[in-house]
Amino acid sequence: MSSVETVSALERRLNASIPQQAIRGEVATRLKKIGRTAKIAGFRPGKVPAKILEQHYGAQAHQEALGDALQRSFAEAAQLNNLRVAGYPQFEIRTNDLNADLIEYSAIFEVYPEVVMGDLSGETVERLAYELTQADVDGTIATLRKQRAVFVPVDRAAQAEDQVRIDFVGRLDGEIFQGGEAKDYPFVLGAGRMLPEFEAAITGMKAGETRSFDMTFPDDYHGKDV
């Protein structure tokens, strides 16, 4: 079961879930493979008991299995909802207990715009050549790593590259201004989606914490009221 929300003209949010049963089998397979070569004091490779393997590598195996399950679930849901996905989605696990029978998640992604081609029979096209450099490759790899990141709940203060979900209210002269209020709003610290001063105030906060602070909006801010 899945649902799709329209975030903006090209941005969508997919809400879906994965049965834990679909992950457990993959975790067991990964642990078995790790056990063939794992070096743990007191045991020969290939002879480490399953419980010991799980203690040492269970979290790693579960995280990898969950990542693969998210990709499969998203691909199936995208096809079911006839979505033309552009790039890779950004996943967020919405279930706090990763051992729950059902793991709920959200995926934020962009879709291709609907383009209607006109008559190009009378047009000429210039063929351009591009030389790919190592810097281009490294930059693309770094971008893909960020796009395919899986966010899980952590018990610490928020820091750069963390995704946070917040409720906020902004007031001007005591009144809430247009666009100054949201609930359960997600963004990644340092991604530039919010104003730097706003992100700086959120950095260092923990789940459940509240904070009040003053802000000065730049002259070119899109909100006319502020």
N, C-alpha and C. Protein backbone atom coordinates (compact mmCIF):
# COMPACT_ATOMS: atom_id res chain seq x y z
N MET A 1 0.86 -1.20 0.00
CA MET A 1 0.00 0.00 0.00
C MET A 1 0.89 1.24 0.00
N SER A 2 0.63 2.16 -0.90
CA SER A 2 1.45 3.37 -0.99
C SER A 2 0.58 4.55 -1.38
N SER A 3 1.09 5.74 -1.08
CA SER A 3 0.40 6.97 -1.46
C SER A 3 1.44 7.97 -1.94
N VAL A 4 1.02 8.87 -2.82
CA VAL A 4 1.93 9.86 -3.40
C VAL A 4 1.39 11.25 -3.13
N GLU A 5 2.25 12.14 -2.61
CA GLU A 5 1.89 13.53 -2.36
C GLU A 5 2.66 14.43 -3.31
N THR A 6 2.03 15.50 -3.75
CA THR A 6 2.69 16.49 -4.60
C THR A 6 3.29 17.56 -3.70
N VAL A 7 4.62 17.66 -3.70
CA VAL A 7 5.33 18.65 -2.88
C VAL A 7 5.46 19.96 -3.64
N SER A 8 5.83 19.87 -4.90
CA SER A 8 5.93 21.05 -5.77
C SER A 8 5.67 20.58 -7.19
N ALA A 9 5.93 21.45 -8.15
CA ALA A 9 5.60 21.13 -9.55
C ALA A 9 6.23 19.81 -10.00
N LEU A 10 7.49 19.58 -9.61
CA LEU A 10 8.19 18.37 -10.04
C LEU A 10 8.59 17.47 -8.88
N GLU A 11 8.33 17.87 -7.66
CA GLU A 11 8.76 17.08 -6.49
C GLU A 11 7.58 16.30 -5.92
N ARG A 12 7.83 15.05 -5.58
CA ARG A 12 6.80 14.19 -5.03
C ARG A 12 7.32 13.52 -3.75
N ARG A 13 6.37 13.11 -2.89
CA ARG A 13 6.69 12.33 -1.70
C ARG A 13 5.88 11.05 -1.73
N LEU A 14 6.58 9.93 -1.74
CA LEU A 14 5.94 8.63 -1.72
C LEU A 14 5.96 8.08 -0.30
N ASN A 15 4.81 7.67 0.22
CA ASN A 15 4.71 7.05 1.54
C ASN A 15 4.34 5.59 1.35
N ALA A 16 5.15 4.71 1.93
CA ALA A 16 4.90 3.27 1.76
C ALA A 16 5.47 2.52 2.96
N SER A 17 5.37 1.21 2.93
CA SER A 17 5.88 0.40 4.03
C SER A 17 6.46 -0.91 3.51
N ILE A 18 7.33 -1.52 4.33
CA ILE A 18 7.97 -2.78 3.98
C ILE A 18 7.76 -3.76 5.12
N PRO A 19 7.27 -4.96 4.84
CA PRO A 19 7.13 -5.96 5.90
C PRO A 19 8.51 -6.39 6.41
N GLN A 20 8.65 -6.48 7.72
CA GLN A 20 9.93 -6.89 8.30
C GLN A 20 10.34 -8.28 7.80
N GLN A 21 9.34 -9.11 7.53
CA GLN A 21 9.60 -10.46 7.07
C GLN A 21 10.41 -10.47 5.76
N ALA A 22 10.19 -9.43 4.93
CA ALA A 22 10.91 -9.34 3.66
C ALA A 22 12.38 -9.02 3.87
N ILE A 23 12.72 -8.51 5.04
CA ILE A 23 14.10 -8.12 5.32
C ILE A 23 14.85 -9.21 6.08
N ARG A 24 14.15 -9.91 6.97
CA ARG A 24 14.81 -10.89 7.83
C ARG A 24 15.54 -11.97 7.05
N GLY A 25 14.89 -12.47 5.99
CA GLY A 25 15.54 -13.51 5.19
C GLY A 25 16.82 -13.02 4.56
N GLU A 26 16.80 -11.76 4.07
CA GLU A 26 18.00 -11.17 3.45
C GLU A 26 19.09 -10.96 4.48
N VAL A 27 18.71 -10.58 5.72
CA VAL A 27 19.70 -10.40 6.79
C VAL A 27 20.38 -11.73 7.09
N ALA A 28 19.60 -12.79 7.18
CA ALA A 28 20.17 -14.12 7.46
C ALA A 28 21.14 -14.54 6.37
N THR A 29 20.78 -14.27 5.12
CA THR A 29 21.65 -14.63 3.99
C THR A 29 22.97 -13.86 4.05
N ARG A 30 22.87 -12.56 4.38
CA ARG A 30 24.08 -11.73 4.47
C ARG A 30 24.98 -12.18 5.63
N LEU A 31 24.38 -12.50 6.77
CA LEU A 31 25.17 -12.96 7.91
C LEU A 31 25.88 -14.29 7.60
N LYS A 32 25.19 -15.15 6.90
CA LYS A 32 25.79 -16.43 6.52
C LYS A 32 27.00 -16.22 5.61
N LYS A 33 26.85 -15.26 4.70
CA LYS A 33 27.96 -14.96 3.79
C LYS A 33 29.13 -14.33 4.55
N ILE A 34 28.82 -13.43 5.47
CA ILE A 34 29.87 -12.80 6.28
C ILE A 34 30.58 -13.84 7.12
N GLY A 35 29.83 -14.82 7.65
CA GLY A 35 30.39 -15.84 8.53
C GLY A 35 31.44 -16.71 7.88
N ARG A 36 31.45 -16.77 6.55
CA ARG A 36 32.44 -17.61 5.86
C ARG A 36 33.85 -17.08 6.02
N THR A 37 33.98 -15.77 6.16
CA THR A 37 35.32 -15.16 6.23
C THR A 37 35.54 -14.31 7.48
N ALA A 38 34.50 -14.16 8.32
CA ALA A 38 34.62 -13.28 9.50
C ALA A 38 35.69 -13.79 10.45
N LYS A 39 36.52 -12.87 10.96
CA LYS A 39 37.57 -13.20 11.92
C LYS A 39 37.18 -12.66 13.29
N ILE A 40 36.75 -13.55 14.16
CA ILE A 40 36.35 -13.19 15.51
C ILE A 40 37.16 -14.02 16.49
N ALA A 41 37.74 -13.36 17.47
CA ALA A 41 38.61 -14.04 18.43
C ALA A 41 37.90 -15.24 19.07
N GLY A 42 38.61 -16.39 19.06
CA GLY A 42 38.07 -17.59 19.67
C GLY A 42 37.34 -18.51 18.71
N PHE A 43 37.20 -18.08 17.45
CA PHE A 43 36.48 -18.90 16.47
C PHE A 43 37.27 -18.93 15.16
N ARG A 44 37.18 -20.06 14.50
CA ARG A 44 37.77 -20.17 13.17
C ARG A 44 36.80 -19.61 12.13
N PRO A 45 37.33 -19.05 11.02
CA PRO A 45 36.44 -18.55 9.96
C PRO A 45 35.51 -19.66 9.48
N GLY A 46 34.25 -19.35 9.38
CA GLY A 46 33.26 -20.31 8.96
C GLY A 46 32.65 -21.12 10.09
N LYS A 47 33.18 -20.95 11.31
CA LYS A 47 32.70 -21.71 12.46
C LYS A 47 32.10 -20.82 13.55
N VAL A 48 31.85 -19.56 13.22
CA VAL A 48 31.31 -18.62 14.21
C VAL A 48 29.80 -18.88 14.37
N PRO A 49 29.32 -19.08 15.60
CA PRO A 49 27.88 -19.30 15.82
C PRO A 49 27.05 -18.13 15.32
N ALA A 50 25.83 -18.45 14.90
CA ALA A 50 24.95 -17.42 14.32
C ALA A 50 24.70 -16.27 15.29
N LYS A 51 24.51 -16.57 16.58
CA LYS A 51 24.24 -15.52 17.55
C LYS A 51 25.41 -14.56 17.71
N ILE A 52 26.63 -15.12 17.65
CA ILE A 52 27.84 -14.27 17.75
C ILE A 52 27.96 -13.39 16.51
N LEU A 53 27.69 -13.97 15.35
CA LEU A 53 27.72 -13.19 14.11
C LEU A 53 26.73 -12.04 14.16
N GLU A 54 25.54 -12.34 14.68
CA GLU A 54 24.51 -11.31 14.76
C GLU A 54 24.92 -10.18 15.69
N GLN A 55 25.59 -10.52 16.80
CA GLN A 55 26.05 -9.50 17.74
C GLN A 55 27.06 -8.57 17.09
N HIS A 56 27.94 -9.13 16.25
CA HIS A 56 29.01 -8.34 15.65
C HIS A 56 28.59 -7.65 14.35
N TYR A 57 27.78 -8.34 13.55
CA TYR A 57 27.49 -7.82 12.22
C TYR A 57 25.99 -7.66 11.93
N GLY A 58 25.14 -7.91 12.93
CA GLY A 58 23.70 -7.85 12.70
C GLY A 58 23.22 -6.49 12.24
N ALA A 59 23.69 -5.42 12.90
CA ALA A 59 23.26 -4.07 12.54
C ALA A 59 23.67 -3.73 11.11
N GLN A 60 24.91 -4.09 10.75
CA GLN A 60 25.40 -3.82 9.40
C GLN A 60 24.56 -4.57 8.36
N ALA A 61 24.31 -5.86 8.62
CA ALA A 61 23.54 -6.67 7.68
C ALA A 61 22.12 -6.14 7.54
N HIS A 62 21.53 -5.73 8.66
CA HIS A 62 20.16 -5.21 8.61
C HIS A 62 20.09 -3.90 7.83
N GLN A 63 21.09 -3.03 8.04
CA GLN A 63 21.11 -1.75 7.34
C GLN A 63 21.24 -1.96 5.83
N GLU A 64 22.11 -2.87 5.43
CA GLU A 64 22.30 -3.14 4.01
C GLU A 64 21.04 -3.77 3.40
N ALA A 65 20.44 -4.72 4.13
CA ALA A 65 19.23 -5.37 3.64
C ALA A 65 18.08 -4.37 3.54
N LEU A 66 18.00 -3.49 4.53
CA LEU A 66 16.95 -2.47 4.51
C LEU A 66 17.12 -1.53 3.31
N GLY A 67 18.37 -1.13 3.03
CA GLY A 67 18.64 -0.26 1.89
C GLY A 67 18.19 -0.89 0.58
N ASP A 68 18.50 -2.18 0.41
CA ASP A 68 18.09 -2.87 -0.81
C ASP A 68 16.57 -3.00 -0.88
N ALA A 69 15.94 -3.29 0.28
CA ALA A 69 14.48 -3.43 0.31
C ALA A 69 13.79 -2.11 -0.02
N LEU A 70 14.36 -1.01 0.43
CA LEU A 70 13.80 0.30 0.12
C LEU A 70 13.84 0.56 -1.38
N GLN A 71 14.96 0.23 -2.00
CA GLN A 71 15.08 0.45 -3.44
C GLN A 71 14.06 -0.39 -4.21
N ARG A 72 13.90 -1.65 -3.80
CA ARG A 72 12.93 -2.52 -4.50
C ARG A 72 11.51 -2.03 -4.28
N SER A 73 11.19 -1.69 -3.03
CA SER A 73 9.84 -1.23 -2.71
C SER A 73 9.52 0.06 -3.46
N PHE A 74 10.48 0.97 -3.51
CA PHE A 74 10.24 2.24 -4.20
C PHE A 74 10.03 2.01 -5.70
N ALA A 75 10.86 1.14 -6.30
CA ALA A 75 10.73 0.88 -7.73
C ALA A 75 9.35 0.29 -8.05
N GLU A 76 8.88 -0.63 -7.20
CA GLU A 76 7.57 -1.24 -7.43
C GLU A 76 6.45 -0.21 -7.27
N ALA A 77 6.55 0.62 -6.22
CA ALA A 77 5.52 1.63 -5.98
C ALA A 77 5.50 2.67 -7.09
N ALA A 78 6.69 3.07 -7.57
CA ALA A 78 6.77 4.05 -8.64
C ALA A 78 6.12 3.52 -9.92
N GLN A 79 6.36 2.25 -10.22
CA GLN A 79 5.75 1.64 -11.40
C GLN A 79 4.24 1.52 -11.24
N LEU A 80 3.81 1.14 -10.02
CA LEU A 80 2.38 1.00 -9.75
C LEU A 80 1.64 2.33 -9.90
N ASN A 81 2.32 3.42 -9.52
CA ASN A 81 1.70 4.75 -9.58
C ASN A 81 2.03 5.51 -10.85
N ASN A 82 2.65 4.82 -11.82
CA ASN A 82 2.97 5.42 -13.12
C ASN A 82 3.80 6.70 -12.97
N LEU A 83 4.85 6.62 -12.15
CA LEU A 83 5.70 7.79 -11.90
C LEU A 83 6.95 7.71 -12.78
N ARG A 84 7.25 8.81 -13.45
CA ARG A 84 8.47 8.90 -14.25
C ARG A 84 9.53 9.58 -13.40
N VAL A 85 10.26 8.77 -12.64
CA VAL A 85 11.20 9.27 -11.64
C VAL A 85 12.47 9.80 -12.29
N ALA A 86 12.87 11.00 -11.87
CA ALA A 86 14.11 11.61 -12.36
C ALA A 86 15.15 11.55 -11.23
N GLY A 87 16.23 10.81 -11.44
CA GLY A 87 17.28 10.70 -10.42
C GLY A 87 16.90 9.70 -9.34
N TYR A 88 17.62 9.78 -8.22
CA TYR A 88 17.41 8.85 -7.12
C TYR A 88 16.60 9.51 -6.01
N PRO A 89 15.78 8.74 -5.32
CA PRO A 89 14.97 9.30 -4.22
C PRO A 89 15.79 9.48 -2.95
N GLN A 90 15.30 10.33 -2.07
CA GLN A 90 15.90 10.52 -0.74
C GLN A 90 14.95 9.85 0.25
N PHE A 91 15.45 8.81 0.92
CA PHE A 91 14.61 8.02 1.80
C PHE A 91 14.65 8.53 3.24
N GLU A 92 13.53 8.34 3.91
CA GLU A 92 13.45 8.63 5.35
C GLU A 92 12.64 7.53 6.01
N ILE A 93 13.24 6.87 7.02
CA ILE A 93 12.53 5.84 7.77
C ILE A 93 11.65 6.53 8.81
N ARG A 94 10.34 6.24 8.76
CA ARG A 94 9.41 6.89 9.68
C ARG A 94 9.08 6.02 10.89
N THR A 95 9.52 4.77 10.88
CA THR A 95 9.29 3.87 12.01
C THR A 95 10.50 3.92 12.94
N ASN A 96 10.27 4.29 14.19
CA ASN A 96 11.39 4.40 15.14
C ASN A 96 12.00 3.05 15.48
N ASP A 97 11.19 2.02 15.62
CA ASP A 97 11.68 0.69 15.95
C ASP A 97 11.94 -0.08 14.66
N LEU A 98 13.22 -0.26 14.33
CA LEU A 98 13.57 -0.93 13.08
C LEU A 98 13.30 -2.44 13.13
N ASN A 99 12.90 -2.96 14.29
CA ASN A 99 12.54 -4.36 14.41
C ASN A 99 11.02 -4.56 14.34
N ALA A 100 10.29 -3.49 14.10
CA ALA A 100 8.83 -3.57 14.02
C ALA A 100 8.41 -4.46 12.84
N ASP A 101 7.21 -5.03 12.93
CA ASP A 101 6.74 -5.92 11.87
C ASP A 101 6.56 -5.19 10.55
N LEU A 102 6.30 -3.89 10.62
CA LEU A 102 6.09 -3.10 9.41
C LEU A 102 6.94 -1.83 9.49
N ILE A 103 7.80 -1.62 8.53
CA ILE A 103 8.66 -0.44 8.51
C ILE A 103 8.10 0.56 7.51
N GLU A 104 7.66 1.70 8.03
CA GLU A 104 7.10 2.74 7.18
C GLU A 104 8.21 3.71 6.76
N TYR A 105 8.13 4.17 5.52
CA TYR A 105 9.14 5.10 5.03
C TYR A 105 8.52 6.11 4.08
N SER A 106 9.27 7.19 3.85
CA SER A 106 8.90 8.18 2.84
C SER A 106 10.07 8.33 1.88
N ALA A 107 9.78 8.64 0.66
CA ALA A 107 10.81 8.88 -0.34
C ALA A 107 10.46 10.18 -1.07
N ILE A 108 11.39 11.12 -1.05
CA ILE A 108 11.19 12.39 -1.75
C ILE A 108 12.02 12.36 -3.03
N PHE A 109 11.41 12.71 -4.14
CA PHE A 109 12.09 12.60 -5.43
C PHE A 109 11.46 13.56 -6.42
N GLU A 110 12.08 13.68 -7.57
CA GLU A 110 11.55 14.52 -8.64
C GLU A 110 11.08 13.65 -9.79
N VAL A 111 10.14 14.17 -10.54
CA VAL A 111 9.63 13.47 -11.72
C VAL A 111 9.94 14.31 -12.96
N TYR A 112 9.97 13.64 -14.09
CA TYR A 112 10.20 14.36 -15.34
C TYR A 112 8.97 15.20 -15.70
N PRO A 113 9.18 16.39 -16.20
CA PRO A 113 8.04 17.22 -16.62
C PRO A 113 7.41 16.66 -17.89
N GLU A 114 6.17 16.95 -18.08
CA GLU A 114 5.49 16.56 -19.31
C GLU A 114 5.87 17.55 -20.41
N VAL A 115 6.50 17.06 -21.45
CA VAL A 115 6.98 17.93 -22.53
C VAL A 115 6.26 17.57 -23.83
N VAL A 116 5.71 18.59 -24.48
CA VAL A 116 5.06 18.40 -25.77
C VAL A 116 5.96 18.99 -26.85
N MET A 117 6.43 18.15 -27.75
CA MET A 117 7.36 18.58 -28.80
C MET A 117 6.59 19.25 -29.95
N GLY A 118 7.14 20.35 -30.41
CA GLY A 118 6.56 21.02 -31.56
C GLY A 118 7.15 20.47 -32.86
N ASP A 119 6.91 21.16 -33.95
CA ASP A 119 7.41 20.74 -35.26
C ASP A 119 8.86 21.19 -35.39
N LEU A 120 9.80 20.23 -35.43
CA LEU A 120 11.22 20.54 -35.51
C LEU A 120 11.80 20.27 -36.90
N SER A 121 10.93 20.01 -37.87
CA SER A 121 11.42 19.64 -39.20
C SER A 121 12.25 20.74 -39.84
N GLY A 122 12.00 21.99 -39.49
CA GLY A 122 12.75 23.09 -40.11
C GLY A 122 13.90 23.59 -39.26
N GLU A 123 14.21 22.92 -38.16
CA GLU A 123 15.25 23.37 -37.25
C GLU A 123 16.57 22.65 -37.52
N THR A 124 17.66 23.30 -37.18
CA THR A 124 18.99 22.69 -37.29
C THR A 124 19.53 22.45 -35.88
N VAL A 125 20.33 21.42 -35.74
CA VAL A 125 20.87 21.05 -34.43
C VAL A 125 22.38 21.03 -34.48
N GLU A 126 23.01 21.65 -33.50
CA GLU A 126 24.47 21.66 -33.43
C GLU A 126 24.91 20.54 -32.47
N ARG A 127 25.77 19.67 -32.94
CA ARG A 127 26.26 18.57 -32.12
C ARG A 127 27.44 19.05 -31.27
N LEU A 128 27.35 18.90 -29.99
CA LEU A 128 28.40 19.33 -29.08
C LEU A 128 29.11 18.12 -28.48
N ALA A 129 30.39 18.28 -28.23
CA ALA A 129 31.18 17.21 -27.60
C ALA A 129 31.60 17.66 -26.21
N TYR A 130 31.61 16.72 -25.27
CA TYR A 130 31.99 17.04 -23.90
C TYR A 130 33.03 16.05 -23.41
N GLU A 131 34.10 16.56 -22.82
CA GLU A 131 35.16 15.70 -22.30
C GLU A 131 34.93 15.48 -20.81
N LEU A 132 34.73 14.23 -20.44
CA LEU A 132 34.47 13.87 -19.04
C LEU A 132 35.78 13.81 -18.27
N THR A 133 35.84 14.51 -17.14
CA THR A 133 37.04 14.52 -16.31
C THR A 133 36.84 13.70 -15.04
N GLN A 134 37.93 13.41 -14.33
CA GLN A 134 37.83 12.67 -13.08
C GLN A 134 37.04 13.45 -12.04
N ALA A 135 37.17 14.78 -12.09
CA ALA A 135 36.41 15.63 -11.16
C ALA A 135 34.91 15.47 -11.39
N ASP A 136 34.49 15.32 -12.65
CA ASP A 136 33.08 15.09 -12.96
C ASP A 136 32.60 13.77 -12.36
N VAL A 137 33.44 12.74 -12.52
CA VAL A 137 33.08 11.41 -11.99
C VAL A 137 32.98 11.46 -10.47
N ASP A 138 33.97 12.07 -9.83
CA ASP A 138 33.97 12.15 -8.35
C ASP A 138 32.75 12.94 -7.85
N GLY A 139 32.43 14.02 -8.55
CA GLY A 139 31.28 14.83 -8.15
C GLY A 139 29.97 14.07 -8.28
N THR A 140 29.85 13.30 -9.36
CA THR A 140 28.63 12.50 -9.56
C THR A 140 28.50 11.42 -8.50
N ILE A 141 29.61 10.77 -8.16
CA ILE A 141 29.58 9.74 -7.11
C ILE A 141 29.16 10.34 -5.78
N ALA A 142 29.70 11.51 -5.46
CA ALA A 142 29.33 12.17 -4.20
C ALA A 142 27.85 12.53 -4.18
N THR A 143 27.33 12.99 -5.32
CA THR A 143 25.91 13.33 -5.41
C THR A 143 25.03 12.09 -5.24
N LEU A 144 25.42 10.98 -5.88
CA LEU A 144 24.64 9.75 -5.77
C LEU A 144 24.62 9.23 -4.34
N ARG A 145 25.74 9.37 -3.64
CA ARG A 145 25.80 8.92 -2.25
C ARG A 145 24.80 9.69 -1.39
N LYS A 146 24.71 11.00 -1.63
CA LYS A 146 23.76 11.81 -0.86
C LYS A 146 22.33 11.47 -1.23
N GLN A 147 22.06 11.28 -2.53
CA GLN A 147 20.71 11.01 -2.99
C GLN A 147 20.20 9.66 -2.50
N ARG A 148 21.11 8.69 -2.34
CA ARG A 148 20.69 7.34 -1.95
C ARG A 148 20.83 7.11 -0.46
N ALA A 149 21.09 8.18 0.28
CA ALA A 149 21.24 8.05 1.74
C ALA A 149 19.91 7.62 2.36
N VAL A 150 20.01 6.75 3.37
CA VAL A 150 18.84 6.31 4.13
C VAL A 150 18.91 6.93 5.51
N PHE A 151 17.90 7.70 5.89
CA PHE A 151 17.89 8.38 7.18
C PHE A 151 17.19 7.51 8.22
N VAL A 152 17.85 7.31 9.36
CA VAL A 152 17.28 6.54 10.47
C VAL A 152 17.32 7.40 11.72
N PRO A 153 16.40 7.19 12.67
CA PRO A 153 16.39 7.99 13.90
C PRO A 153 17.67 7.78 14.72
N VAL A 154 18.21 8.85 15.31
CA VAL A 154 19.39 8.77 16.17
C VAL A 154 19.13 9.57 17.44
N ASP A 155 19.78 9.17 18.53
CA ASP A 155 19.58 9.83 19.81
C ASP A 155 20.78 10.73 20.11
N ARG A 156 20.82 11.89 19.44
CA ARG A 156 21.87 12.88 19.66
C ARG A 156 21.42 14.21 19.08
N ALA A 157 22.25 15.22 19.29
CA ALA A 157 21.93 16.55 18.77
C ALA A 157 22.05 16.57 17.24
N ALA A 158 21.22 17.37 16.59
CA ALA A 158 21.24 17.48 15.13
C ALA A 158 22.54 18.14 14.67
N GLN A 159 23.09 17.62 13.57
CA GLN A 159 24.33 18.18 13.02
C GLN A 159 24.24 18.20 11.50
N ALA A 160 25.28 18.75 10.87
CA ALA A 160 25.29 18.89 9.41
C ALA A 160 25.07 17.55 8.74
N GLU A 161 24.27 17.56 7.65
CA GLU A 161 23.91 16.42 6.82
C GLU A 161 22.87 15.51 7.48
N ASP A 162 22.36 15.90 8.65
CA ASP A 162 21.23 15.19 9.26
C ASP A 162 19.94 15.68 8.63
N GLN A 163 18.98 14.78 8.47
CA GLN A 163 17.64 15.22 8.10
C GLN A 163 16.83 15.41 9.38
N VAL A 164 16.18 16.55 9.50
CA VAL A 164 15.35 16.84 10.67
C VAL A 164 13.92 17.07 10.21
N ARG A 165 12.98 16.80 11.11
CA ARG A 165 11.56 17.10 10.86
C ARG A 165 11.10 17.99 12.00
N ILE A 166 10.60 19.17 11.67
CA ILE A 166 10.29 20.15 12.71
C ILE A 166 8.91 20.76 12.51
N ASP A 167 8.34 21.22 13.61
CA ASP A 167 7.18 22.11 13.59
C ASP A 167 7.70 23.51 13.89
N PHE A 168 7.36 24.48 13.10
CA PHE A 168 7.85 25.83 13.38
C PHE A 168 6.77 26.88 13.12
N VAL A 169 6.89 27.98 13.83
CA VAL A 169 5.99 29.12 13.67
C VAL A 169 6.83 30.39 13.64
N GLY A 170 6.68 31.19 12.60
CA GLY A 170 7.39 32.45 12.49
C GLY A 170 6.43 33.61 12.65
N ARG A 171 6.81 34.57 13.45
CA ARG A 171 5.93 35.71 13.69
C ARG A 171 6.63 37.03 13.37
N LEU A 172 5.87 37.96 12.86
CA LEU A 172 6.33 39.31 12.59
C LEU A 172 5.39 40.27 13.31
N ASP A 173 5.94 41.01 14.25
CA ASP A 173 5.11 41.90 15.09
C ASP A 173 4.01 41.12 15.80
N GLY A 174 4.33 39.90 16.21
CA GLY A 174 3.40 39.08 16.96
C GLY A 174 2.42 38.28 16.13
N GLU A 175 2.39 38.48 14.81
CA GLU A 175 1.46 37.79 13.94
C GLU A 175 2.21 36.81 13.04
N ILE A 176 1.60 35.65 12.79
CA ILE A 176 2.22 34.66 11.90
C ILE A 176 2.17 35.18 10.46
N PHE A 177 3.32 35.26 9.81
CA PHE A 177 3.36 35.77 8.45
C PHE A 177 3.13 34.64 7.44
N GLN A 178 2.84 34.99 6.20
CA GLN A 178 2.55 34.01 5.16
C GLN A 178 3.76 33.09 4.93
N GLY A 179 3.52 31.80 5.00
CA GLY A 179 4.59 30.82 4.81
C GLY A 179 5.45 30.63 6.04
N GLY A 180 5.03 31.21 7.16
CA GLY A 180 5.85 31.15 8.37
C GLY A 180 5.45 30.06 9.34
N GLU A 181 4.67 29.09 8.88
CA GLU A 181 4.23 28.03 9.79
C GLU A 181 4.18 26.70 9.04
N ALA A 182 4.68 25.63 9.70
CA ALA A 182 4.63 24.30 9.10
C ALA A 182 4.74 23.26 10.21
N LYS A 183 4.23 22.06 9.94
CA LYS A 183 4.32 20.95 10.88
C LYS A 183 4.97 19.76 10.19
N ASP A 184 5.82 19.05 10.96
CA ASP A 184 6.50 17.85 10.47
C ASP A 184 7.23 18.14 9.16
N TYR A 185 7.92 19.28 9.11
CA TYR A 185 8.58 19.73 7.88
C TYR A 185 9.99 19.13 7.80
N PRO A 186 10.32 18.37 6.74
CA PRO A 186 11.64 17.74 6.64
C PRO A 186 12.63 18.56 5.80
N PHE A 187 13.87 18.62 6.25
CA PHE A 187 14.95 19.18 5.43
C PHE A 187 16.29 18.69 5.97
N VAL A 188 17.31 18.76 5.14
CA VAL A 188 18.64 18.29 5.52
C VAL A 188 19.51 19.49 5.88
N LEU A 189 20.10 19.45 7.07
CA LEU A 189 20.95 20.55 7.52
C LEU A 189 22.17 20.67 6.61
N GLY A 190 22.39 21.85 6.10
CA GLY A 190 23.53 22.09 5.22
C GLY A 190 23.23 21.95 3.75
N ALA A 191 22.00 21.53 3.41
CA ALA A 191 21.65 21.34 2.00
C ALA A 191 21.26 22.66 1.33
N GLY A 192 21.09 23.72 2.12
CA GLY A 192 20.77 25.02 1.55
C GLY A 192 19.30 25.23 1.26
N ARG A 193 18.45 24.32 1.73
CA ARG A 193 17.02 24.46 1.47
C ARG A 193 16.40 25.55 2.33
N MET A 194 16.97 25.75 3.52
CA MET A 194 16.49 26.78 4.43
C MET A 194 17.55 27.88 4.55
N LEU A 195 17.16 29.02 5.11
CA LEU A 195 18.11 30.12 5.29
C LEU A 195 19.21 29.69 6.27
N PRO A 196 20.47 30.10 6.01
CA PRO A 196 21.59 29.69 6.87
C PRO A 196 21.37 30.02 8.34
N GLU A 197 20.79 31.16 8.63
CA GLU A 197 20.56 31.56 10.02
C GLU A 197 19.55 30.63 10.69
N PHE A 198 18.57 30.18 9.92
CA PHE A 198 17.56 29.25 10.44
C PHE A 198 18.20 27.90 10.73
N GLU A 199 19.01 27.40 9.79
CA GLU A 199 19.67 26.11 9.98
C GLU A 199 20.62 26.14 11.16
N ALA A 200 21.32 27.26 11.33
CA ALA A 200 22.25 27.39 12.45
C ALA A 200 21.52 27.29 13.79
N ALA A 201 20.30 27.82 13.84
CA ALA A 201 19.52 27.78 15.09
C ALA A 201 19.03 26.36 15.37
N ILE A 202 18.74 25.59 14.33
CA ILE A 202 18.25 24.22 14.50
C ILE A 202 19.38 23.27 14.86
N THR A 203 20.58 23.52 14.32
CA THR A 203 21.73 22.66 14.59
C THR A 203 22.00 22.61 16.10
N GLY A 204 22.19 21.42 16.60
CA GLY A 204 22.47 21.24 18.03
C GLY A 204 21.24 20.88 18.85
N MET A 205 20.04 20.96 18.24
CA MET A 205 18.82 20.60 18.96
C MET A 205 18.63 19.09 18.96
N LYS A 206 17.90 18.58 19.95
CA LYS A 206 17.56 17.17 20.04
C LYS A 206 16.06 16.99 19.83
N ALA A 207 15.67 15.74 19.55
CA ALA A 207 14.26 15.44 19.34
C ALA A 207 13.44 15.83 20.56
N GLY A 208 12.32 16.51 20.32
CA GLY A 208 11.45 16.93 21.41
C GLY A 208 11.80 18.28 22.00
N GLU A 209 12.96 18.84 21.62
CA GLU A 209 13.39 20.13 22.17
C GLU A 209 12.71 21.28 21.43
N THR A 210 12.46 22.37 22.14
CA THR A 210 11.90 23.57 21.52
C THR A 210 12.88 24.72 21.68
N ARG A 211 12.81 25.67 20.76
CA ARG A 211 13.75 26.80 20.80
C ARG A 211 13.10 28.01 20.13
N SER A 212 13.32 29.18 20.71
CA SER A 212 12.86 30.43 20.11
C SER A 212 14.07 31.27 19.75
N PHE A 213 14.03 31.94 18.61
CA PHE A 213 15.15 32.76 18.19
C PHE A 213 14.67 33.83 17.21
N ASP A 214 15.45 34.91 17.11
CA ASP A 214 15.15 36.00 16.18
C ASP A 214 15.91 35.78 14.88
N MET A 215 15.34 36.25 13.79
CA MET A 215 15.97 36.12 12.48
C MET A 215 15.85 37.42 11.70
N THR A 216 16.87 37.67 10.89
CA THR A 216 16.84 38.79 9.96
C THR A 216 16.80 38.22 8.55
N PHE A 217 15.74 38.49 7.80
CA PHE A 217 15.60 37.95 6.46
C PHE A 217 16.37 38.82 5.46
N PRO A 218 16.98 38.19 4.46
CA PRO A 218 17.70 38.96 3.44
C PRO A 218 16.74 39.81 2.60
N ASP A 219 17.28 40.83 1.99
CA ASP A 219 16.45 41.76 1.21
C ASP A 219 15.76 41.07 0.03
N ASP A 220 16.41 40.03 -0.53
CA ASP A 220 15.84 39.36 -1.70
C ASP A 220 15.00 38.14 -1.32
N TYR A 221 14.61 38.03 -0.05
CA TYR A 221 13.79 36.89 0.38
C TYR A 221 12.45 36.93 -0.36
N HIS A 222 11.97 35.72 -0.78
CA HIS A 222 10.78 35.66 -1.63
C HIS A 222 9.50 36.07 -0.89
N GLY A 223 9.50 35.99 0.45
CA GLY A 223 8.30 36.37 1.20
C GLY A 223 8.19 37.89 1.29
N LYS A 224 7.22 38.48 0.65
CA LYS A 224 7.10 39.93 0.62
C LYS A 224 6.78 40.53 1.99
N ASP A 225 6.11 39.74 2.84
CA ASP A 225 5.70 40.26 4.14
C ASP A 225 6.87 40.53 5.06
N VAL A 226 7.98 39.82 4.86
CA VAL A 226 9.11 39.97 5.77
C VAL A 226 10.29 40.67 5.11
